Amino acid sequence: MTEPVLQTLGLSKSFGALQASRDISLDLRPGEIHALIGPNGAGKSTLIGQIAGTIRPDAGQVLLAGEDVTGLDTPTRARRGLGRTFQVSALAMEDTVLQNALLGAVGARGRAYGLFRPALAQRDLRAIAEAALTRVGLADHAATRASDLSHGQRRQLEVAVALTLSPKLFVMDEPMAGLDGEGAKTLTAMLDDLRHEAPILLVEHDMDVVFALADRISVLVYGAIIATGTVDEIRRDPEVRRAYLGEDA
């Protein structure tokens, strides 16, 4: 079997008496979308934080393309190929679309460019940023300020910023949050295509999107994975129906 791009092995994390992650092991395989679902308070954000490097686990490992990255910080993990988008937008709203994409391209180099060689003047960086904007359909909005984009376009820009890092995988935290029907449809189609470039670990509450996109689904309840399987397997699982989906799923 092809080696997973991402693996968590026995991740555990407690905050005082609250055990937010309990021995969590999952993987993300090339070309797939693996959805992580569960009720509010299940520990999804804590797990994503451990994968991204913002939260240090009490036990367990995070492997990126077979390399143990558990002790690495977030910027280093990003440079090793972990692309992340956020539930709440992390864009520089007063900067243009192109400038936001350039920030990612600069970050991929692991160093900032000096004042006398601004990033906008660097042809190689600009080419990377413009290619990412083209990839997500925002090339015509390069000069637009991020604050003037629609909510859906901001989601597309977040993906473009992540693309400038040449990611091995994406970790996406509720990308559909706040989108209307048309915006969700556009982003769903983009993610469906993007999986062939880099697999996606998708945290999402919109079950229509999850069922449309996911190759596999893991269900997190009270800090533990209670089931992992295909869409049909998860829909039929009686424990999952009781804990999260409901009997009408």
Foldseek 3Di string as FASTA:
>chain_A
DDDFQKWWAQFWADDVVATLAGGDIDTHHALFEEEEEEDPSLNPVVVVCQQQAVDQTPDTFMAGRNHTCNPPHNLVVLLVAEAEADPDHPFPQQQFLLVRLLVLLCSNVVDADDPVCHSVNDPVSSVLLLVLCVLLVNNVRRRPGNNPDDLLVSLSSSSSSSVSSQHQAYEYAASCPPPDPVSVVSVLVSLQVCSNSHYYHHYHDPVVSCLVGGQKYWYGGSNYTPDMDGSVVLLPDPVNCVRPVPPVD
